[in-house]
Amino acid sequence: MDTQALKAIVEAVIYAAEEPVTVAQLAEVLGLERGDVEPTVAALRAEYEAPGRGLRLGEVAGGLRFFTRPDYHPWIKILFKNQRSVRLSQQALQTLAIIAYKQPITAPEIEDIRTVDSASILKNLLDKRLVKVLGRKDVVGRPMMYGTTREFLLQFGLKDLAELPRLEEFEELLKADLRTSEAAGEAAAETAAEARAAQPQAAGDTPAGDTGTSEGHGTAAHESLSDEE
C-alpha cells in the first residue's frame, strides 16, 4: 500500500470514529505494526498544521481526533446559536476543579474546601460523566472517592491529566468560559426576539443540527457542559 493511500485510510478512520483513536487501534485496523503507522500519523498531522486548514489533528484523552481551529469558532457558533447551550454552573465548575486537582477525593473533603454541601453537584457531575467513583476510602464510614473521567479529558481537550494547567489558571479558564457562554446566550436571545418582532408570521425556528459534545467532527470544545447543579 502506498503512503498516500495509507494516509487517506488513517484520515477516514479517525474522522469516522466517535471516540479518539489510538495508534494501536489504527495499527490493528490496518494490519500493520505500530511503528509502521506512527510515521503516517506524523505526516498527516503535519499536513493539517499547514496554513489555511480549518481542521487540525490533535491528541486528546490518549487518542487522535480532528478539531476545528479556534480561529473559525465564531462562524461555528453562528451555525449553532439557536441551539440550547449546555453549561455548568459556577459552583459545579469549582467542584470539578477541586476533583481534577485533588483526586482521589471524598465528598466530605470537597465540602471542607468549598464549605457547602456538594451532594447535588456531585450527582450532576456523575450524570454528565465528568467524574466517576474510584472506590471507597479506608476510613470510618468508608466514603466514596471521586475522580475525573475520560469524558472530562475530551471536554477540555486534554491528552491526559499531566496536561492540566496550574490550578489558578484552570479556575480562570473555567470562569472565562462561563462568562463567554452566558454572553453568547444573552446575545442569541436578543437576536431571536428581534427576529420575532420583525416577522410575526414566521413559522418558527429551524433546528440547526447536532452540535456534538466536543471539538471532534467540526465542533468547538467546551460547548457541551451542563448548566444545572
Protein backbone atom coordinates (compact mmCIF):
# COMPACT_ATOMS: atom_id res chain seq x y z
CA MET A 1 0.00 0.00 0.00
CA ASP A 2 1.45 3.38 -0.98
CA THR A 3 1.95 6.21 1.52
CA GLN A 4 -0.84 8.41 0.16
CA ALA A 5 -3.41 5.61 0.35
CA LEU A 6 -2.31 4.81 3.89
CA LYS A 7 -2.74 8.44 4.95
CA ALA A 8 -6.20 8.53 3.40
CA ILE A 9 -7.29 5.44 5.34
CA VAL A 10 -5.93 6.81 8.63
CA GLU A 11 -7.69 10.12 7.97
CA ALA A 12 -11.01 8.39 7.24
CA VAL A 13 -10.83 6.11 10.29
CA ILE A 14 -10.07 8.97 12.68
CA TYR A 15 -12.83 11.14 11.22
CA ALA A 16 -15.44 8.36 11.34
CA ALA A 17 -14.68 7.29 14.91
CA GLU A 18 -16.94 8.56 17.70
CA GLU A 19 -14.06 8.40 20.20
CA PRO A 20 -10.40 9.40 19.86
CA VAL A 21 -8.45 6.67 18.03
CA THR A 22 -5.12 5.39 19.37
CA VAL A 23 -2.16 4.49 17.18
CA ALA A 24 -2.54 0.90 18.40
CA GLN A 25 -6.14 0.84 17.11
CA LEU A 26 -5.03 2.24 13.76
CA ALA A 27 -2.35 -0.44 13.52
CA GLU A 28 -4.96 -3.11 14.23
CA VAL A 29 -7.33 -1.75 11.59
CA LEU A 30 -4.55 -1.55 9.00
CA GLY A 31 -2.99 -4.89 9.91
CA LEU A 32 0.38 -3.22 10.47
CA GLU A 33 2.87 -2.77 13.27
CA ARG A 34 2.57 0.35 15.42
CA GLY A 35 5.98 1.52 14.22
CA ASP A 36 4.77 1.40 10.61
CA VAL A 37 1.73 3.58 11.41
CA GLU A 38 3.38 6.29 13.51
CA PRO A 39 5.22 7.98 10.56
CA THR A 40 1.93 8.13 8.64
CA VAL A 41 0.17 9.76 11.57
CA ALA A 42 3.02 12.26 11.95
CA ALA A 43 2.86 13.13 8.24
CA LEU A 44 -0.91 13.58 8.37
CA ARG A 45 -0.67 15.83 11.43
CA ALA A 46 1.95 17.93 9.65
CA GLU A 47 -0.37 18.37 6.66
CA TYR A 48 -3.17 19.65 8.90
CA GLU A 49 -0.79 22.13 10.53
CA ALA A 50 -0.30 23.87 7.18
CA PRO A 51 -1.77 27.40 6.87
CA GLY A 52 -5.31 27.69 5.56
CA ARG A 53 -6.69 24.49 7.07
CA GLY A 54 -9.94 24.65 9.04
CA LEU A 55 -9.15 21.48 10.99
CA ARG A 56 -6.18 20.14 12.89
CA LEU A 57 -5.34 16.62 14.02
CA GLY A 58 -4.51 16.53 17.71
CA GLU A 59 -4.21 14.20 20.70
CA VAL A 60 -6.87 14.10 23.38
CA ALA A 61 -7.72 11.53 26.07
CA GLY A 62 -4.95 9.25 24.82
CA GLY A 63 -6.08 9.17 21.19
CA LEU A 64 -6.26 11.14 17.94
CA ARG A 65 -9.17 13.34 16.91
CA PHE A 66 -9.90 16.11 14.43
CA PHE A 67 -10.54 19.56 15.93
CA THR A 68 -11.79 22.79 14.46
CA ARG A 69 -9.27 25.62 14.70
CA PRO A 70 -10.13 28.33 17.26
CA ASP A 71 -9.84 30.99 14.51
CA TYR A 72 -13.05 29.63 12.98
CA HIS A 73 -15.11 29.13 16.15
CA PRO A 74 -17.08 32.41 15.70
CA TRP A 75 -18.63 31.03 12.50
CA ILE A 76 -19.32 27.66 14.11
CA LYS A 77 -21.10 29.41 16.99
CA ILE A 78 -23.29 31.28 14.48
CA LEU A 79 -24.28 27.94 12.95
CA PHE A 80 -25.38 26.58 16.33
CA LYS A 81 -26.53 29.80 18.03
CA ASN A 82 -30.21 28.80 18.11
CA GLN A 83 -29.48 25.59 19.96
CA ARG A 84 -29.62 25.43 23.75
CA SER A 85 -26.15 25.97 25.12
CA VAL A 86 -25.14 23.46 27.73
CA ARG A 87 -23.10 24.81 30.61
CA LEU A 88 -22.02 24.05 34.14
CA SER A 89 -22.89 26.45 36.92
CA GLN A 90 -20.01 28.28 38.59
CA GLN A 91 -20.46 26.11 41.71
CA ALA A 92 -20.23 22.93 39.62
CA LEU A 93 -17.14 24.23 37.82
CA GLN A 94 -15.47 24.95 41.14
CA THR A 95 -16.28 21.45 42.39
CA LEU A 96 -14.99 19.92 39.16
CA ALA A 97 -11.72 21.86 39.50
CA ILE A 98 -11.29 20.59 43.08
CA ILE A 99 -11.84 16.98 41.98
CA ALA A 100 -9.50 17.34 39.00
CA TYR A 101 -6.60 18.58 41.12
CA LYS A 102 -7.20 16.69 44.38
CA GLN A 103 -8.35 13.28 43.11
CA PRO A 104 -9.00 10.83 44.57
CA ILE A 105 -11.13 12.90 46.91
CA THR A 106 -14.23 12.25 49.02
CA ALA A 107 -17.39 14.35 49.33
CA PRO A 108 -16.55 15.42 52.93
CA GLU A 109 -13.11 16.54 51.73
CA ILE A 110 -14.69 18.54 48.91
CA GLU A 111 -17.09 20.16 51.39
CA ASP A 112 -14.19 21.04 53.70
CA ILE A 113 -12.72 23.06 50.81
CA ARG A 114 -15.97 24.58 49.49
CA THR A 115 -17.70 24.78 52.93
CA VAL A 116 -21.08 23.93 51.35
CA ASP A 117 -22.99 20.73 50.67
CA SER A 118 -21.85 19.27 47.34
CA ALA A 119 -24.19 16.26 47.08
CA SER A 120 -26.41 17.64 44.29
CA ILE A 121 -23.41 18.98 42.37
CA LEU A 122 -21.63 15.64 42.57
CA LYS A 123 -24.75 13.89 41.27
CA ASN A 124 -24.88 16.28 38.32
CA LEU A 125 -21.20 15.75 37.50
CA LEU A 126 -21.71 11.98 37.72
CA ASP A 127 -24.77 12.20 35.45
CA LYS A 128 -22.71 14.17 32.92
CA ARG A 129 -19.93 11.55 33.11
CA LEU A 130 -17.35 14.18 34.02
CA VAL A 131 -16.49 12.42 37.29
CA LYS A 132 -16.67 8.82 38.48
CA VAL A 133 -16.43 6.81 41.70
CA LEU A 134 -12.91 5.45 42.14
CA GLY A 135 -13.66 3.32 45.19
CA ARG A 136 -14.07 3.84 48.94
CA LYS A 137 -11.56 5.39 51.31
CA ASP A 138 -10.38 3.11 54.09
CA VAL A 139 -11.50 5.35 56.96
CA VAL A 140 -14.51 5.42 59.30
CA GLY A 141 -17.71 5.39 57.21
CA ARG A 142 -15.79 4.35 54.07
CA PRO A 143 -16.83 7.39 51.99
CA MET A 144 -16.70 7.13 48.20
CA MET A 145 -13.72 8.67 46.41
CA TYR A 146 -14.20 10.63 43.20
CA GLY A 147 -12.01 11.37 40.21
CA THR A 148 -12.33 12.71 36.68
CA THR A 149 -13.22 10.61 33.64
CA ARG A 150 -12.11 10.25 30.04
CA GLU A 151 -15.11 12.42 29.16
CA PHE A 152 -13.55 15.19 31.26
CA LEU A 153 -10.38 14.95 29.18
CA LEU A 154 -12.45 15.09 25.99
CA GLN A 155 -14.43 18.12 27.12
CA PHE A 156 -11.32 20.14 28.00
CA GLY A 157 -9.16 18.90 25.13
CA LEU A 158 -6.53 17.29 27.37
CA LYS A 159 -4.28 14.42 26.31
CA ASP A 160 -4.06 13.30 29.95
CA LEU A 161 -4.13 14.76 33.47
CA ALA A 162 -0.47 15.73 33.18
CA GLU A 163 -1.61 18.47 30.76
CA LEU A 164 -3.73 20.20 33.40
CA PRO A 165 -2.56 23.80 33.85
CA ARG A 166 -1.88 25.27 37.28
CA LEU A 167 -5.00 25.33 39.47
CA GLU A 168 -5.24 29.14 39.34
CA GLU A 169 -5.02 29.10 35.52
CA PHE A 170 -7.62 26.35 35.28
CA GLU A 171 -10.06 28.26 37.51
CA GLU A 172 -9.60 31.39 35.38
CA LEU A 173 -10.24 29.31 32.26
CA LEU A 174 -13.47 27.95 33.73
CA LYS A 175 -14.64 31.43 34.78
CA ALA A 176 -13.87 32.88 31.35
CA ASP A 177 -15.73 30.03 29.65
CA LEU A 178 -18.76 30.60 31.88
CA ARG A 179 -18.80 34.36 31.16
CA THR A 180 -18.41 33.78 27.40
CA SER A 181 -21.21 31.21 27.35
CA GLU A 182 -23.58 33.46 29.30
CA ALA A 183 -22.86 36.43 27.00
CA ALA A 184 -23.42 34.28 23.92
CA GLY A 185 -26.73 33.06 25.32
CA GLU A 186 -27.94 36.60 26.02
CA ALA A 187 -26.94 37.77 22.53
CA ALA A 188 -28.73 34.84 20.90
CA ALA A 189 -31.90 35.58 22.91
CA GLU A 190 -31.85 39.24 21.82
CA THR A 191 -31.38 38.24 18.18
CA ALA A 192 -34.27 35.80 18.34
CA ALA A 193 -36.54 38.42 19.96
CA GLU A 194 -35.72 40.95 17.23
CA ALA A 195 -36.43 38.38 14.52
CA ARG A 196 -39.81 37.51 16.01
CA ALA A 197 -40.75 41.20 16.24
CA ALA A 198 -39.77 41.79 12.61
CA GLN A 199 -41.55 38.68 11.28
CA PRO A 200 -44.59 37.99 13.48
CA GLN A 201 -45.97 35.46 11.00
CA ALA A 202 -42.82 33.31 10.90
CA ALA A 203 -43.49 29.59 11.21
CA GLY A 204 -40.78 29.03 13.85
CA ASP A 205 -37.11 28.31 14.26
CA THR A 206 -35.45 25.62 12.17
CA PRO A 207 -33.19 23.23 14.11
CA ALA A 208 -29.53 23.93 13.42
CA GLY A 209 -28.43 20.30 13.69
CA ASP A 210 -26.39 18.25 16.15
CA THR A 211 -23.62 20.23 17.89
CA GLY A 212 -21.99 17.15 19.45
CA THR A 213 -20.04 17.16 22.73
CA SER A 214 -16.55 18.06 21.74
CA GLU A 215 -14.46 19.64 19.03
CA GLY A 216 -14.41 16.42 17.07
CA HIS A 217 -16.16 16.29 13.70
CA GLY A 218 -16.07 20.04 13.25
CA THR A 219 -17.50 21.38 16.51
CA ALA A 220 -15.91 23.52 19.22
CA ALA A 221 -14.77 22.27 22.61
CA HIS A 222 -16.24 23.39 25.96
CA GLU A 223 -19.68 23.85 24.35
CA SER A 224 -21.31 20.81 25.93
CA LEU A 225 -21.06 21.20 29.68
CA SER A 226 -24.35 21.22 31.55
CA ASP A 227 -25.77 24.29 33.28
CA GLU A 228 -27.76 22.86 36.17
CA GLU A 229 -26.48 21.73 39.51
